[in-house]
Amino acid sequence: MVDKPLLFNCSKCKDYVFEALHFHLLKSEELITIPHNFRTKPRQNGHSNKVILVIGGRGYNGQIFDCAEWYDSKINQWQFGPKMITPCYAGGLTVVNDNVPLYLGGTNFESIFQSAYGPNLSPSESSKWTPKYNMLAKRQSFRVGVINNYIYVVGGSDGNSILNSAEVFDCRTREWCTICNMSTK
């Protein structure tokens, strides 16, 4: 294999081959300790189940919902989850660490929230939404995204004005901090 021109002339190719050989030579008990990168990240097997999660919302008659439900495509069915602590809408829903949902901010006509709620994943307690780490600003109708387990929250409204501010939550340190404002509201 070493006499192949591509491997002989390209040290990067050799590195990839050695990395693959090292990966496959490890015993199955040691696979858990391998640092994951995009080449060694385990594939999702057929048992992995992705769902669509829907939280809260507002009906045509103005009613504000406190429900959570998800659609499971494998069984083609919607299932109810735990009710939210406070009915609200116009918040942001995101997923961190590949499977932990968080509902951020929102409003219920009386208040605009800076709250962050996540499901209680403790097997010893019943499933319910619990308060997490509040955002720095109250926001509704904003946008949220996740990059490398950092939650970015941008824009929206605080009830008095349209916001061009943005903040980020570091899932590792569990702290929010402001980042530079957007150029437009």
N, C-alpha and C. Protein backbone atom coordinates (compact mmCIF):
# COMPACT_ATOMS: atom_id res chain seq x y z
N MET A 1 0.82 -1.18 0.00
CA MET A 1 0.00 0.00 0.00
C MET A 1 0.87 1.25 0.00
N VAL A 2 2.03 1.23 0.61
CA VAL A 2 2.90 2.40 0.71
C VAL A 2 3.52 2.75 -0.63
N ASP A 3 3.54 1.80 -1.57
CA ASP A 3 4.14 2.10 -2.86
C ASP A 3 3.18 2.80 -3.82
N LYS A 4 1.97 3.07 -3.40
CA LYS A 4 1.02 3.80 -4.24
C LYS A 4 1.47 5.25 -4.35
N PRO A 5 1.47 5.84 -5.54
CA PRO A 5 1.99 7.21 -5.74
C PRO A 5 1.27 8.25 -4.88
N LEU A 6 -0.04 8.14 -4.76
CA LEU A 6 -0.78 9.13 -3.98
C LEU A 6 -0.34 9.12 -2.52
N LEU A 7 -0.20 7.94 -1.95
CA LEU A 7 0.23 7.83 -0.56
C LEU A 7 1.70 8.20 -0.39
N PHE A 8 2.50 7.84 -1.36
CA PHE A 8 3.94 8.12 -1.27
C PHE A 8 4.23 9.62 -1.35
N ASN A 9 3.46 10.35 -2.16
CA ASN A 9 3.73 11.76 -2.39
C ASN A 9 2.91 12.71 -1.51
N CYS A 10 1.95 12.20 -0.80
CA CYS A 10 1.06 13.08 -0.02
C CYS A 10 1.07 12.66 1.45
N SER A 11 1.72 13.46 2.27
CA SER A 11 1.79 13.11 3.70
C SER A 11 0.42 13.17 4.36
N LYS A 12 -0.45 14.06 3.88
CA LYS A 12 -1.80 14.16 4.45
C LYS A 12 -2.57 12.86 4.21
N CYS A 13 -2.41 12.27 3.01
CA CYS A 13 -3.08 11.00 2.72
C CYS A 13 -2.56 9.90 3.64
N LYS A 14 -1.25 9.88 3.86
CA LYS A 14 -0.68 8.89 4.79
C LYS A 14 -1.29 9.05 6.18
N ASP A 15 -1.44 10.31 6.63
CA ASP A 15 -2.03 10.56 7.95
C ASP A 15 -3.44 9.99 8.03
N TYR A 16 -4.23 10.17 6.96
CA TYR A 16 -5.60 9.64 6.97
C TYR A 16 -5.60 8.12 7.02
N VAL A 17 -4.73 7.49 6.27
CA VAL A 17 -4.65 6.03 6.28
C VAL A 17 -4.24 5.52 7.65
N PHE A 18 -3.22 6.15 8.25
CA PHE A 18 -2.79 5.74 9.59
C PHE A 18 -3.89 5.96 10.62
N GLU A 19 -4.62 7.06 10.49
CA GLU A 19 -5.74 7.32 11.40
C GLU A 19 -6.80 6.23 11.27
N ALA A 20 -7.12 5.84 10.03
CA ALA A 20 -8.11 4.79 9.80
C ALA A 20 -7.63 3.45 10.34
N LEU A 21 -6.36 3.13 10.10
CA LEU A 21 -5.82 1.87 10.61
C LEU A 21 -5.86 1.84 12.14
N HIS A 22 -5.45 2.94 12.75
CA HIS A 22 -5.47 3.03 14.21
C HIS A 22 -6.90 2.85 14.73
N PHE A 23 -7.86 3.49 14.07
CA PHE A 23 -9.26 3.39 14.49
C PHE A 23 -9.74 1.94 14.43
N HIS A 24 -9.43 1.25 13.35
CA HIS A 24 -9.94 -0.11 13.18
C HIS A 24 -9.16 -1.15 13.99
N LEU A 25 -7.97 -0.83 14.43
CA LEU A 25 -7.19 -1.77 15.23
C LEU A 25 -7.57 -1.74 16.71
N LEU A 26 -8.25 -0.68 17.15
CA LEU A 26 -8.62 -0.59 18.56
C LEU A 26 -9.66 -1.65 18.91
N LYS A 27 -9.62 -2.10 20.13
CA LYS A 27 -10.63 -3.04 20.59
C LYS A 27 -11.94 -2.29 20.81
N SER A 28 -13.08 -2.97 20.79
CA SER A 28 -14.38 -2.32 20.90
C SER A 28 -14.53 -1.55 22.21
N GLU A 29 -13.88 -2.00 23.30
CA GLU A 29 -13.98 -1.28 24.57
C GLU A 29 -13.30 0.09 24.48
N GLU A 30 -12.30 0.20 23.61
CA GLU A 30 -11.55 1.44 23.51
C GLU A 30 -12.21 2.45 22.58
N LEU A 31 -13.19 2.02 21.80
CA LEU A 31 -13.81 2.92 20.84
C LEU A 31 -14.46 4.12 21.52
N ILE A 32 -14.94 3.95 22.73
CA ILE A 32 -15.61 5.03 23.44
C ILE A 32 -14.64 6.17 23.72
N THR A 33 -13.36 5.89 23.88
CA THR A 33 -12.40 6.92 24.25
C THR A 33 -11.80 7.65 23.04
N ILE A 34 -12.16 7.26 21.84
CA ILE A 34 -11.62 7.91 20.65
C ILE A 34 -12.19 9.32 20.57
N PRO A 35 -11.34 10.33 20.42
CA PRO A 35 -11.89 11.67 20.22
C PRO A 35 -12.59 11.74 18.87
N HIS A 36 -13.82 12.24 18.86
CA HIS A 36 -14.60 12.27 17.62
C HIS A 36 -14.27 13.50 16.80
N ASN A 37 -14.07 13.30 15.52
CA ASN A 37 -14.00 14.39 14.56
C ASN A 37 -14.93 14.00 13.42
N PHE A 38 -14.98 14.78 12.37
CA PHE A 38 -15.95 14.47 11.33
C PHE A 38 -15.65 13.15 10.62
N ARG A 39 -14.45 12.62 10.74
CA ARG A 39 -14.14 11.34 10.11
C ARG A 39 -14.44 10.16 11.03
N THR A 40 -14.43 10.35 12.34
CA THR A 40 -14.63 9.22 13.26
C THR A 40 -15.94 9.31 14.02
N LYS A 41 -16.76 10.31 13.74
CA LYS A 41 -18.05 10.42 14.43
C LYS A 41 -18.91 9.22 14.05
N PRO A 42 -19.45 8.50 15.03
CA PRO A 42 -20.25 7.32 14.72
C PRO A 42 -21.47 7.67 13.88
N ARG A 43 -21.81 6.82 12.95
CA ARG A 43 -23.01 7.02 12.15
C ARG A 43 -24.22 6.72 13.00
N GLN A 44 -25.32 7.37 12.68
CA GLN A 44 -26.57 7.06 13.35
C GLN A 44 -27.07 5.72 12.84
N ASN A 45 -27.37 4.82 13.74
CA ASN A 45 -27.87 3.53 13.29
C ASN A 45 -29.38 3.61 13.06
N GLY A 46 -29.95 2.54 12.61
CA GLY A 46 -31.38 2.51 12.32
C GLY A 46 -32.25 2.70 13.54
N HIS A 47 -31.68 2.59 14.74
CA HIS A 47 -32.47 2.74 15.97
C HIS A 47 -32.62 4.20 16.37
N SER A 48 -31.85 5.09 15.75
CA SER A 48 -31.94 6.51 16.06
C SER A 48 -33.29 7.03 15.58
N ASN A 49 -33.93 7.84 16.40
CA ASN A 49 -35.25 8.32 16.05
C ASN A 49 -35.29 9.83 16.13
N LYS A 50 -35.38 10.49 15.00
CA LYS A 50 -35.49 11.94 14.95
C LYS A 50 -36.97 12.30 14.96
N VAL A 51 -37.30 13.40 15.64
CA VAL A 51 -38.69 13.82 15.73
C VAL A 51 -38.78 15.31 15.43
N ILE A 52 -39.99 15.78 15.18
CA ILE A 52 -40.30 17.19 15.05
C ILE A 52 -40.99 17.61 16.33
N LEU A 53 -40.45 18.63 17.00
CA LEU A 53 -40.97 19.08 18.28
C LEU A 53 -41.70 20.41 18.10
N VAL A 54 -42.88 20.52 18.69
CA VAL A 54 -43.69 21.74 18.63
C VAL A 54 -44.01 22.16 20.06
N ILE A 55 -43.72 23.43 20.38
CA ILE A 55 -43.91 23.93 21.74
C ILE A 55 -44.78 25.18 21.71
N GLY A 56 -45.81 25.22 22.58
CA GLY A 56 -46.62 26.43 22.74
C GLY A 56 -47.28 26.87 21.44
N GLY A 57 -47.57 28.17 21.37
CA GLY A 57 -48.18 28.73 20.17
C GLY A 57 -49.42 29.53 20.50
N ARG A 58 -50.00 30.08 19.45
CA ARG A 58 -51.19 30.92 19.61
C ARG A 58 -52.22 30.51 18.59
N GLY A 59 -53.47 30.32 19.05
CA GLY A 59 -54.55 29.90 18.18
C GLY A 59 -55.21 31.08 17.47
N TYR A 60 -56.11 30.77 16.53
CA TYR A 60 -56.82 31.81 15.79
C TYR A 60 -57.66 32.70 16.71
N ASN A 61 -58.18 32.14 17.78
CA ASN A 61 -59.02 32.90 18.70
C ASN A 61 -58.21 33.66 19.75
N GLY A 62 -56.88 33.66 19.62
CA GLY A 62 -56.02 34.38 20.57
C GLY A 62 -55.57 33.53 21.75
N GLN A 63 -56.09 32.33 21.84
CA GLN A 63 -55.69 31.46 22.95
C GLN A 63 -54.20 31.14 22.84
N ILE A 64 -53.50 31.16 23.98
CA ILE A 64 -52.08 30.84 24.04
C ILE A 64 -51.93 29.46 24.64
N PHE A 65 -51.13 28.63 24.00
CA PHE A 65 -51.01 27.22 24.39
C PHE A 65 -49.82 26.96 25.29
N ASP A 66 -49.98 25.95 26.13
CA ASP A 66 -48.89 25.50 27.01
C ASP A 66 -48.49 24.07 26.69
N CYS A 67 -48.87 23.60 25.53
CA CYS A 67 -48.63 22.19 25.20
C CYS A 67 -47.29 22.00 24.49
N ALA A 68 -46.83 20.79 24.58
CA ALA A 68 -45.65 20.34 23.83
C ALA A 68 -46.02 19.01 23.21
N GLU A 69 -45.70 18.86 21.94
CA GLU A 69 -45.95 17.58 21.30
C GLU A 69 -44.91 17.35 20.22
N TRP A 70 -44.74 16.10 19.86
CA TRP A 70 -43.76 15.78 18.83
C TRP A 70 -44.34 14.79 17.84
N TYR A 71 -43.82 14.90 16.60
CA TYR A 71 -44.23 14.00 15.54
C TYR A 71 -43.13 12.97 15.34
N ASP A 72 -43.52 11.71 15.43
CA ASP A 72 -42.61 10.60 15.23
C ASP A 72 -42.89 10.01 13.86
N SER A 73 -41.96 10.24 12.92
CA SER A 73 -42.19 9.79 11.54
C SER A 73 -42.16 8.27 11.39
N LYS A 74 -41.51 7.58 12.30
CA LYS A 74 -41.45 6.12 12.20
C LYS A 74 -42.82 5.48 12.41
N ILE A 75 -43.63 6.10 13.27
CA ILE A 75 -44.97 5.54 13.52
C ILE A 75 -46.06 6.45 12.97
N ASN A 76 -45.67 7.55 12.30
CA ASN A 76 -46.61 8.49 11.70
C ASN A 76 -47.66 8.95 12.70
N GLN A 77 -47.17 9.46 13.84
CA GLN A 77 -48.10 9.83 14.90
C GLN A 77 -47.56 11.00 15.72
N TRP A 78 -48.46 11.87 16.16
CA TRP A 78 -48.12 12.94 17.09
C TRP A 78 -48.33 12.42 18.51
N GLN A 79 -47.41 12.81 19.40
CA GLN A 79 -47.53 12.40 20.80
C GLN A 79 -47.35 13.62 21.69
N PHE A 80 -48.09 13.65 22.80
CA PHE A 80 -47.99 14.79 23.71
C PHE A 80 -46.81 14.64 24.64
N GLY A 81 -46.17 15.76 24.92
CA GLY A 81 -45.08 15.83 25.89
C GLY A 81 -45.57 16.61 27.10
N PRO A 82 -44.67 16.93 28.02
CA PRO A 82 -45.06 17.66 29.22
C PRO A 82 -45.48 19.09 28.88
N LYS A 83 -46.48 19.59 29.61
CA LYS A 83 -46.93 20.97 29.41
C LYS A 83 -45.85 21.94 29.84
N MET A 84 -45.85 23.12 29.20
CA MET A 84 -44.92 24.17 29.56
C MET A 84 -45.30 24.75 30.92
N ILE A 85 -44.37 25.42 31.56
CA ILE A 85 -44.63 26.06 32.85
C ILE A 85 -45.61 27.21 32.67
N THR A 86 -45.40 28.01 31.63
CA THR A 86 -46.25 29.15 31.33
C THR A 86 -46.65 29.10 29.87
N PRO A 87 -47.94 29.25 29.56
CA PRO A 87 -48.31 29.30 28.15
C PRO A 87 -47.63 30.49 27.47
N CYS A 88 -47.09 30.29 26.29
CA CYS A 88 -46.50 31.41 25.56
C CYS A 88 -46.31 31.07 24.10
N TYR A 89 -45.98 32.09 23.33
CA TYR A 89 -45.71 31.95 21.90
C TYR A 89 -44.64 32.96 21.52
N ALA A 90 -44.19 32.92 20.28
CA ALA A 90 -43.19 33.83 19.73
C ALA A 90 -41.83 33.70 20.40
N GLY A 91 -41.56 32.53 20.96
CA GLY A 91 -40.25 32.25 21.53
C GLY A 91 -39.39 31.53 20.50
N GLY A 92 -38.25 31.06 20.93
CA GLY A 92 -37.35 30.33 20.05
C GLY A 92 -37.13 28.93 20.57
N LEU A 93 -37.11 27.98 19.68
CA LEU A 93 -36.87 26.59 20.05
C LEU A 93 -35.60 26.14 19.36
N THR A 94 -34.72 25.52 20.12
CA THR A 94 -33.47 25.02 19.56
C THR A 94 -33.11 23.70 20.20
N VAL A 95 -32.15 23.02 19.63
CA VAL A 95 -31.67 21.74 20.16
C VAL A 95 -30.16 21.84 20.34
N VAL A 96 -29.68 21.45 21.53
CA VAL A 96 -28.24 21.45 21.79
C VAL A 96 -27.79 20.04 22.15
N ASN A 97 -26.50 19.83 22.07
CA ASN A 97 -25.91 18.51 22.38
C ASN A 97 -26.61 17.40 21.63
N ASP A 98 -27.02 17.67 20.42
CA ASP A 98 -27.64 16.72 19.49
C ASP A 98 -29.03 16.23 19.88
N ASN A 99 -29.52 16.52 21.10
CA ASN A 99 -30.86 16.02 21.40
C ASN A 99 -31.55 16.69 22.59
N VAL A 100 -31.04 17.80 23.11
CA VAL A 100 -31.67 18.45 24.25
C VAL A 100 -32.36 19.73 23.76
N PRO A 101 -33.72 19.76 23.78
CA PRO A 101 -34.42 20.96 23.33
C PRO A 101 -34.44 22.04 24.40
N LEU A 102 -34.40 23.29 23.97
CA LEU A 102 -34.55 24.44 24.86
C LEU A 102 -35.54 25.40 24.23
N TYR A 103 -36.46 25.91 25.05
CA TYR A 103 -37.41 26.93 24.60
C TYR A 103 -37.01 28.24 25.26
N LEU A 104 -36.78 29.27 24.45
CA LEU A 104 -36.26 30.54 24.92
C LEU A 104 -37.28 31.66 24.72
N GLY A 105 -37.36 32.56 25.71
CA GLY A 105 -38.14 33.79 25.58
C GLY A 105 -39.60 33.57 25.25
N GLY A 106 -40.16 34.51 24.48
CA GLY A 106 -41.56 34.44 24.08
C GLY A 106 -42.40 35.44 24.86
N THR A 107 -43.70 35.35 24.66
CA THR A 107 -44.65 36.26 25.32
C THR A 107 -45.97 35.56 25.58
N ASN A 108 -46.77 36.15 26.47
CA ASN A 108 -48.12 35.66 26.72
C ASN A 108 -49.12 36.82 26.78
N PHE A 109 -48.86 37.92 26.12
CA PHE A 109 -49.62 39.17 26.08
C PHE A 109 -49.35 40.03 27.32
N GLU A 110 -49.12 39.43 28.47
CA GLU A 110 -48.88 40.19 29.70
C GLU A 110 -47.40 40.48 29.91
N SER A 111 -46.56 39.55 29.55
CA SER A 111 -45.12 39.68 29.79
C SER A 111 -44.34 39.19 28.58
N ILE A 112 -43.13 39.72 28.45
CA ILE A 112 -42.16 39.19 27.50
C ILE A 112 -41.06 38.56 28.33
N PHE A 113 -40.66 37.36 27.95
CA PHE A 113 -39.78 36.57 28.80
C PHE A 113 -38.32 36.59 28.33
N GLN A 114 -37.43 36.42 29.30
CA GLN A 114 -36.03 36.18 28.98
C GLN A 114 -35.63 34.78 29.45
N SER A 115 -36.64 33.99 29.73
CA SER A 115 -36.44 32.67 30.29
C SER A 115 -35.92 31.66 29.27
N ALA A 116 -35.35 30.60 29.79
CA ALA A 116 -34.95 29.45 29.00
C ALA A 116 -35.44 28.22 29.75
N TYR A 117 -36.20 27.38 29.06
CA TYR A 117 -36.74 26.16 29.66
C TYR A 117 -36.24 24.95 28.90
N GLY A 118 -35.96 23.92 29.64
CA GLY A 118 -35.57 22.65 29.04
C GLY A 118 -36.27 21.52 29.77
N PRO A 119 -36.35 20.37 29.15
CA PRO A 119 -37.01 19.23 29.82
C PRO A 119 -36.14 18.70 30.95
N ASN A 120 -36.79 18.26 31.98
CA ASN A 120 -36.09 17.58 33.07
C ASN A 120 -35.85 16.16 32.59
N LEU A 121 -34.59 15.80 32.42
CA LEU A 121 -34.27 14.48 31.86
C LEU A 121 -33.93 13.45 32.93
N SER A 122 -34.19 13.80 34.18
CA SER A 122 -33.91 12.87 35.27
C SER A 122 -34.87 11.69 35.22
N PRO A 123 -34.34 10.46 35.22
CA PRO A 123 -35.24 9.30 35.16
C PRO A 123 -36.05 9.11 36.44
N SER A 124 -35.61 9.72 37.54
CA SER A 124 -36.31 9.52 38.80
C SER A 124 -37.50 10.46 38.97
N GLU A 125 -37.60 11.50 38.15
CA GLU A 125 -38.71 12.45 38.27
C GLU A 125 -39.58 12.37 37.04
N SER A 126 -40.82 12.83 37.20
CA SER A 126 -41.71 12.85 36.04
C SER A 126 -41.22 13.91 35.05
N SER A 127 -41.56 13.68 33.82
CA SER A 127 -41.11 14.57 32.75
C SER A 127 -41.82 15.92 32.85
N LYS A 128 -41.04 17.00 32.87
CA LYS A 128 -41.62 18.34 32.92
C LYS A 128 -40.57 19.34 32.44
N TRP A 129 -41.02 20.53 32.07
CA TRP A 129 -40.11 21.60 31.67
C TRP A 129 -39.60 22.28 32.92
N THR A 130 -38.33 22.59 32.95
CA THR A 130 -37.74 23.25 34.12
C THR A 130 -36.95 24.48 33.67
N PRO A 131 -36.90 25.50 34.53
CA PRO A 131 -36.13 26.70 34.19
C PRO A 131 -34.65 26.38 34.05
N LYS A 132 -34.03 27.02 33.08
CA LYS A 132 -32.59 26.88 32.85
C LYS A 132 -31.95 28.25 33.04
N TYR A 133 -31.01 28.61 32.21
CA TYR A 133 -30.26 29.86 32.36
C TYR A 133 -30.89 30.96 31.53
N ASN A 134 -31.46 31.97 32.19
CA ASN A 134 -32.15 33.05 31.49
C ASN A 134 -31.23 33.81 30.55
N MET A 135 -31.83 34.28 29.45
CA MET A 135 -31.11 35.14 28.52
C MET A 135 -30.84 36.48 29.19
N LEU A 136 -30.01 37.30 28.58
CA LEU A 136 -29.68 38.61 29.13
C LEU A 136 -30.79 39.63 28.88
N ALA A 137 -31.54 39.46 27.78
CA ALA A 137 -32.61 40.41 27.42
C ALA A 137 -33.92 39.67 27.25
N LYS A 138 -35.02 40.39 27.52
CA LYS A 138 -36.34 39.85 27.23
C LYS A 138 -36.53 39.93 25.72
N ARG A 139 -37.04 38.84 25.12
CA ARG A 139 -37.18 38.81 23.66
C ARG A 139 -38.41 38.01 23.24
N GLN A 140 -39.03 38.49 22.19
CA GLN A 140 -40.06 37.73 21.47
C GLN A 140 -39.79 37.87 19.98
N SER A 141 -40.26 36.94 19.21
CA SER A 141 -40.13 36.98 17.75
C SER A 141 -38.68 37.17 17.28
N PHE A 142 -37.76 36.54 17.94
CA PHE A 142 -36.34 36.60 17.59
C PHE A 142 -35.95 35.35 16.82
N ARG A 143 -34.70 35.26 16.45
CA ARG A 143 -34.18 34.07 15.78
C ARG A 143 -33.10 33.44 16.64
N VAL A 144 -33.00 32.13 16.55
CA VAL A 144 -32.04 31.39 17.36
C VAL A 144 -31.37 30.33 16.48
N GLY A 145 -30.08 30.11 16.75
CA GLY A 145 -29.34 29.08 16.04
C GLY A 145 -28.25 28.52 16.93
N VAL A 146 -27.75 27.35 16.58
CA VAL A 146 -26.70 26.70 17.36
C VAL A 146 -25.53 26.40 16.45
N ILE A 147 -24.34 26.80 16.90
CA ILE A 147 -23.10 26.45 16.22
C ILE A 147 -22.15 25.91 17.27
N ASN A 148 -21.73 24.66 17.11
CA ASN A 148 -20.78 24.01 18.04
C ASN A 148 -21.20 24.15 19.50
N ASN A 149 -22.47 23.91 19.79
CA ASN A 149 -23.04 23.98 21.14
C ASN A 149 -22.96 25.37 21.77
N TYR A 150 -22.92 26.39 20.93
CA TYR A 150 -23.12 27.78 21.37
C TYR A 150 -24.48 28.19 20.82
N ILE A 151 -25.35 28.69 21.68
CA ILE A 151 -26.68 29.13 21.26
C ILE A 151 -26.62 30.63 20.97
N TYR A 152 -26.94 31.01 19.74
CA TYR A 152 -26.96 32.41 19.34
C TYR A 152 -28.40 32.89 19.25
N VAL A 153 -28.71 34.01 19.92
CA VAL A 153 -30.03 34.60 19.90
C VAL A 153 -29.89 36.01 19.34
N VAL A 154 -30.67 36.34 18.31
CA VAL A 154 -30.50 37.63 17.65
C VAL A 154 -31.85 38.30 17.39
N GLY A 155 -31.85 39.63 17.56
CA GLY A 155 -32.99 40.45 17.19
C GLY A 155 -34.23 40.20 18.02
N GLY A 156 -35.38 40.41 17.38
CA GLY A 156 -36.66 40.27 18.05
C GLY A 156 -37.16 41.59 18.58
N SER A 157 -38.00 41.51 19.58
CA SER A 157 -38.58 42.69 20.19
C SER A 157 -38.63 42.50 21.70
N ASP A 158 -38.48 43.61 22.44
CA ASP A 158 -38.63 43.54 23.89
C ASP A 158 -39.98 44.08 24.34
N GLY A 159 -40.88 44.31 23.40
CA GLY A 159 -42.21 44.84 23.70
C GLY A 159 -42.29 46.34 23.51
N ASN A 160 -41.17 47.04 23.61
CA ASN A 160 -41.13 48.49 23.41
C ASN A 160 -40.45 48.86 22.11
N SER A 161 -39.47 48.07 21.69
CA SER A 161 -38.73 48.40 20.47
C SER A 161 -38.22 47.12 19.79
N ILE A 162 -37.91 47.28 18.51
CA ILE A 162 -37.29 46.21 17.74
C ILE A 162 -35.81 46.18 18.12
N LEU A 163 -35.27 44.99 18.32
CA LEU A 163 -33.90 44.85 18.81
C LEU A 163 -32.93 44.50 17.68
N ASN A 164 -31.73 45.06 17.75
CA ASN A 164 -30.66 44.61 16.87
C ASN A 164 -29.57 43.93 17.68
N SER A 165 -29.83 43.73 18.96
CA SER A 165 -28.84 43.11 19.84
C SER A 165 -28.78 41.61 19.63
N ALA A 166 -27.69 41.02 20.08
CA ALA A 166 -27.49 39.58 19.96
C ALA A 166 -26.72 39.09 21.18
N GLU A 167 -26.95 37.85 21.53
CA GLU A 167 -26.25 37.25 22.66
C GLU A 167 -25.97 35.79 22.36
N VAL A 168 -25.03 35.23 23.11
CA VAL A 168 -24.64 33.84 22.89
C VAL A 168 -24.54 33.13 24.24
N PHE A 169 -24.97 31.87 24.25
CA PHE A 169 -24.89 31.03 25.45
C PHE A 169 -23.86 29.95 25.20
N ASP A 170 -22.88 29.87 26.08
CA ASP A 170 -21.85 28.84 26.00
C ASP A 170 -22.34 27.65 26.82
N CYS A 171 -22.68 26.56 26.16
CA CYS A 171 -23.23 25.38 26.86
C CYS A 171 -22.21 24.75 27.80
N ARG A 172 -20.94 25.01 27.57
CA ARG A 172 -19.90 24.44 28.44
C ARG A 172 -19.83 25.19 29.76
N THR A 173 -19.77 26.54 29.71
CA THR A 173 -19.66 27.35 30.94
C THR A 173 -21.03 27.71 31.50
N ARG A 174 -22.07 27.53 30.70
CA ARG A 174 -23.45 27.86 31.09
C ARG A 174 -23.61 29.35 31.40
N GLU A 175 -23.03 30.17 30.54
CA GLU A 175 -23.12 31.62 30.70
C GLU A 175 -23.52 32.28 29.39
N TRP A 176 -24.36 33.32 29.51
CA TRP A 176 -24.72 34.16 28.39
C TRP A 176 -23.77 35.34 28.34
N CYS A 177 -23.47 35.83 27.15
CA CYS A 177 -22.74 37.08 26.99
C CYS A 177 -23.20 37.76 25.71
N THR A 178 -23.10 39.07 25.69
CA THR A 178 -23.53 39.81 24.50
C THR A 178 -22.43 39.70 23.44
N ILE A 179 -22.87 39.75 22.20
CA ILE A 179 -21.96 39.86 21.08
C ILE A 179 -22.33 41.13 20.32
N CYS A 180 -21.56 41.50 19.33
CA CYS A 180 -21.81 42.78 18.65
C CYS A 180 -23.22 42.79 18.04
N ASN A 181 -23.79 43.99 18.03
CA ASN A 181 -25.14 44.17 17.49
C ASN A 181 -25.16 43.96 15.98
N MET A 182 -26.32 43.55 15.50
CA MET A 182 -26.51 43.49 14.05
C MET A 182 -26.54 44.91 13.52
N SER A 183 -26.24 45.09 12.24
CA SER A 183 -26.22 46.43 11.68
C SER A 183 -27.63 47.01 11.48
N THR A 184 -28.65 46.15 11.38
CA THR A 184 -30.02 46.63 11.25
C THR A 184 -30.91 45.91 12.25
N LYS A 185 -31.99 46.58 12.59
CA LYS A 185 -32.95 45.98 13.52
C LYS A 185 -33.85 45.02 12.79
